[in-house]
Amino acid sequence: MPNMSPKELLYIEDALGHEQFFMSQCQEAAHQLKDEDLRTCAQRLYDRHRKTFSQFYSLI
């Protein structure tokens, strides 16, 4: 694996933080929504952000 510069690592750390925030927001929305379609949509968004988080995490 190639070495990353400190700036690249900071970018990944920032991206991971954003993805964690989005996951928590989607998860909270999914728990609070009463409409099944909206809840499903929020859960799908959570799953997408979790996948993106995993992809960024695999870089480090």
N, C-alpha and C. Protein backbone atom coordinates (compact mmCIF):
# COMPACT_ATOMS: atom_id res chain seq x y z
N MET A 1 0.85 -1.17 0.00
CA MET A 1 0.00 0.00 0.00
C MET A 1 0.90 1.24 0.00
N PRO A 2 0.62 2.19 -0.88
CA PRO A 2 1.43 3.40 -0.92
C PRO A 2 1.21 4.26 0.33
N ASN A 3 2.26 4.95 0.72
CA ASN A 3 2.15 5.85 1.87
C ASN A 3 1.32 7.06 1.49
N MET A 4 0.51 7.50 2.44
CA MET A 4 -0.32 8.69 2.21
C MET A 4 0.31 9.87 2.91
N SER A 5 0.11 11.02 2.32
CA SER A 5 0.61 12.24 2.93
C SER A 5 -0.28 12.58 4.13
N PRO A 6 0.23 13.39 5.04
CA PRO A 6 -0.61 13.81 6.18
C PRO A 6 -1.90 14.51 5.72
N LYS A 7 -1.80 15.26 4.63
CA LYS A 7 -3.00 15.94 4.13
C LYS A 7 -4.03 14.94 3.62
N GLU A 8 -3.58 13.90 2.95
CA GLU A 8 -4.51 12.86 2.47
C GLU A 8 -5.16 12.13 3.64
N LEU A 9 -4.38 11.85 4.67
CA LEU A 9 -4.95 11.19 5.85
C LEU A 9 -5.98 12.07 6.54
N LEU A 10 -5.70 13.37 6.61
CA LEU A 10 -6.67 14.29 7.20
C LEU A 10 -7.96 14.33 6.39
N TYR A 11 -7.83 14.27 5.07
CA TYR A 11 -9.01 14.24 4.22
C TYR A 11 -9.85 13.00 4.51
N ILE A 12 -9.21 11.86 4.61
CA ILE A 12 -9.94 10.62 4.88
C ILE A 12 -10.58 10.67 6.26
N GLU A 13 -9.85 11.20 7.23
CA GLU A 13 -10.41 11.33 8.58
C GLU A 13 -11.65 12.23 8.56
N ASP A 14 -11.58 13.32 7.82
CA ASP A 14 -12.72 14.23 7.69
C ASP A 14 -13.89 13.54 7.01
N ALA A 15 -13.61 12.81 5.94
CA ALA A 15 -14.66 12.09 5.21
C ALA A 15 -15.32 11.04 6.10
N LEU A 16 -14.52 10.34 6.91
CA LEU A 16 -15.08 9.35 7.83
C LEU A 16 -16.01 10.01 8.84
N GLY A 17 -15.60 11.17 9.33
CA GLY A 17 -16.45 11.90 10.28
C GLY A 17 -17.77 12.31 9.66
N HIS A 18 -17.72 12.76 8.41
CA HIS A 18 -18.96 13.14 7.72
C HIS A 18 -19.86 11.93 7.53
N GLU A 19 -19.29 10.83 7.12
CA GLU A 19 -20.09 9.62 6.91
C GLU A 19 -20.71 9.14 8.22
N GLN A 20 -19.96 9.22 9.31
CA GLN A 20 -20.52 8.82 10.61
C GLN A 20 -21.69 9.72 10.97
N PHE A 21 -21.55 11.01 10.72
CA PHE A 21 -22.64 11.94 11.01
C PHE A 21 -23.88 11.61 10.18
N PHE A 22 -23.67 11.38 8.86
CA PHE A 22 -24.79 11.05 7.99
C PHE A 22 -25.45 9.74 8.43
N MET A 23 -24.65 8.76 8.82
CA MET A 23 -25.22 7.49 9.28
C MET A 23 -26.08 7.71 10.52
N SER A 24 -25.59 8.49 11.46
CA SER A 24 -26.37 8.71 12.68
C SER A 24 -27.66 9.46 12.39
N GLN A 25 -27.61 10.43 11.48
CA GLN A 25 -28.82 11.17 11.12
C GLN A 25 -29.84 10.28 10.43
N CYS A 26 -29.38 9.44 9.53
CA CYS A 26 -30.29 8.53 8.82
C CYS A 26 -30.89 7.50 9.77
N GLN A 27 -30.07 7.00 10.67
CA GLN A 27 -30.55 6.00 11.63
C GLN A 27 -31.59 6.63 12.57
N GLU A 28 -31.31 7.83 13.01
CA GLU A 28 -32.27 8.51 13.88
C GLU A 28 -33.58 8.77 13.15
N ALA A 29 -33.49 9.21 11.90
CA ALA A 29 -34.70 9.46 11.11
C ALA A 29 -35.48 8.16 10.91
N ALA A 30 -34.79 7.08 10.61
CA ALA A 30 -35.47 5.80 10.39
C ALA A 30 -36.23 5.36 11.64
N HIS A 31 -35.68 5.64 12.81
CA HIS A 31 -36.36 5.25 14.06
C HIS A 31 -37.55 6.15 14.37
N GLN A 32 -37.49 7.39 13.91
CA GLN A 32 -38.55 8.33 14.26
C GLN A 32 -39.68 8.39 13.25
N LEU A 33 -39.41 8.03 12.01
CA LEU A 33 -40.43 8.15 10.97
C LEU A 33 -41.53 7.10 11.15
N LYS A 34 -42.75 7.53 10.95
CA LYS A 34 -43.89 6.63 11.06
C LYS A 34 -44.24 6.01 9.70
N ASP A 35 -44.03 6.78 8.63
CA ASP A 35 -44.34 6.30 7.29
C ASP A 35 -43.32 5.24 6.87
N GLU A 36 -43.84 4.08 6.48
CA GLU A 36 -42.97 2.95 6.14
C GLU A 36 -42.06 3.24 4.96
N ASP A 37 -42.58 3.92 3.93
CA ASP A 37 -41.77 4.24 2.76
C ASP A 37 -40.62 5.18 3.11
N LEU A 38 -40.92 6.18 3.91
CA LEU A 38 -39.86 7.12 4.33
C LEU A 38 -38.84 6.43 5.23
N ARG A 39 -39.32 5.57 6.10
CA ARG A 39 -38.41 4.82 6.97
C ARG A 39 -37.48 3.94 6.15
N THR A 40 -38.02 3.29 5.14
CA THR A 40 -37.22 2.44 4.25
C THR A 40 -36.19 3.28 3.50
N CYS A 41 -36.59 4.45 3.05
CA CYS A 41 -35.68 5.35 2.35
C CYS A 41 -34.53 5.77 3.27
N ALA A 42 -34.85 6.13 4.51
CA ALA A 42 -33.82 6.52 5.47
C ALA A 42 -32.88 5.35 5.75
N GLN A 43 -33.41 4.15 5.84
CA GLN A 43 -32.59 2.97 6.08
C GLN A 43 -31.66 2.71 4.89
N ARG A 44 -32.16 2.90 3.68
CA ARG A 44 -31.31 2.72 2.49
C ARG A 44 -30.18 3.74 2.47
N LEU A 45 -30.51 4.98 2.83
CA LEU A 45 -29.47 6.02 2.90
C LEU A 45 -28.43 5.66 3.95
N TYR A 46 -28.89 5.15 5.09
CA TYR A 46 -27.96 4.69 6.12
C TYR A 46 -27.02 3.62 5.56
N ASP A 47 -27.60 2.65 4.85
CA ASP A 47 -26.78 1.57 4.28
C ASP A 47 -25.75 2.10 3.28
N ARG A 48 -26.14 3.07 2.47
CA ARG A 48 -25.21 3.66 1.51
C ARG A 48 -24.06 4.37 2.22
N HIS A 49 -24.39 5.13 3.25
CA HIS A 49 -23.34 5.85 3.99
C HIS A 49 -22.44 4.87 4.74
N ARG A 50 -23.00 3.80 5.23
CA ARG A 50 -22.18 2.78 5.91
C ARG A 50 -21.21 2.16 4.91
N LYS A 51 -21.67 1.89 3.70
CA LYS A 51 -20.80 1.34 2.67
C LYS A 51 -19.69 2.32 2.31
N THR A 52 -20.06 3.59 2.15
CA THR A 52 -19.05 4.61 1.84
C THR A 52 -18.04 4.73 2.97
N PHE A 53 -18.53 4.69 4.21
CA PHE A 53 -17.64 4.73 5.37
C PHE A 53 -16.64 3.58 5.29
N SER A 54 -17.13 2.40 5.00
CA SER A 54 -16.26 1.22 4.92
C SER A 54 -15.22 1.37 3.82
N GLN A 55 -15.63 1.96 2.71
CA GLN A 55 -14.70 2.15 1.60
C GLN A 55 -13.59 3.14 1.98
N PHE A 56 -13.96 4.23 2.62
CA PHE A 56 -12.95 5.19 3.08
C PHE A 56 -12.05 4.54 4.14
N TYR A 57 -12.67 3.80 5.05
CA TYR A 57 -11.89 3.17 6.13
C TYR A 57 -10.87 2.17 5.58
N SER A 58 -11.23 1.51 4.51
CA SER A 58 -10.30 0.53 3.93
C SER A 58 -9.06 1.18 3.34
N LEU A 59 -9.11 2.48 3.13
CA LEU A 59 -7.95 3.18 2.58
C LEU A 59 -6.83 3.39 3.60
N ILE A 60 -7.21 3.32 4.88
CA ILE A 60 -6.17 3.56 5.91
C ILE A 60 -5.67 2.29 6.53
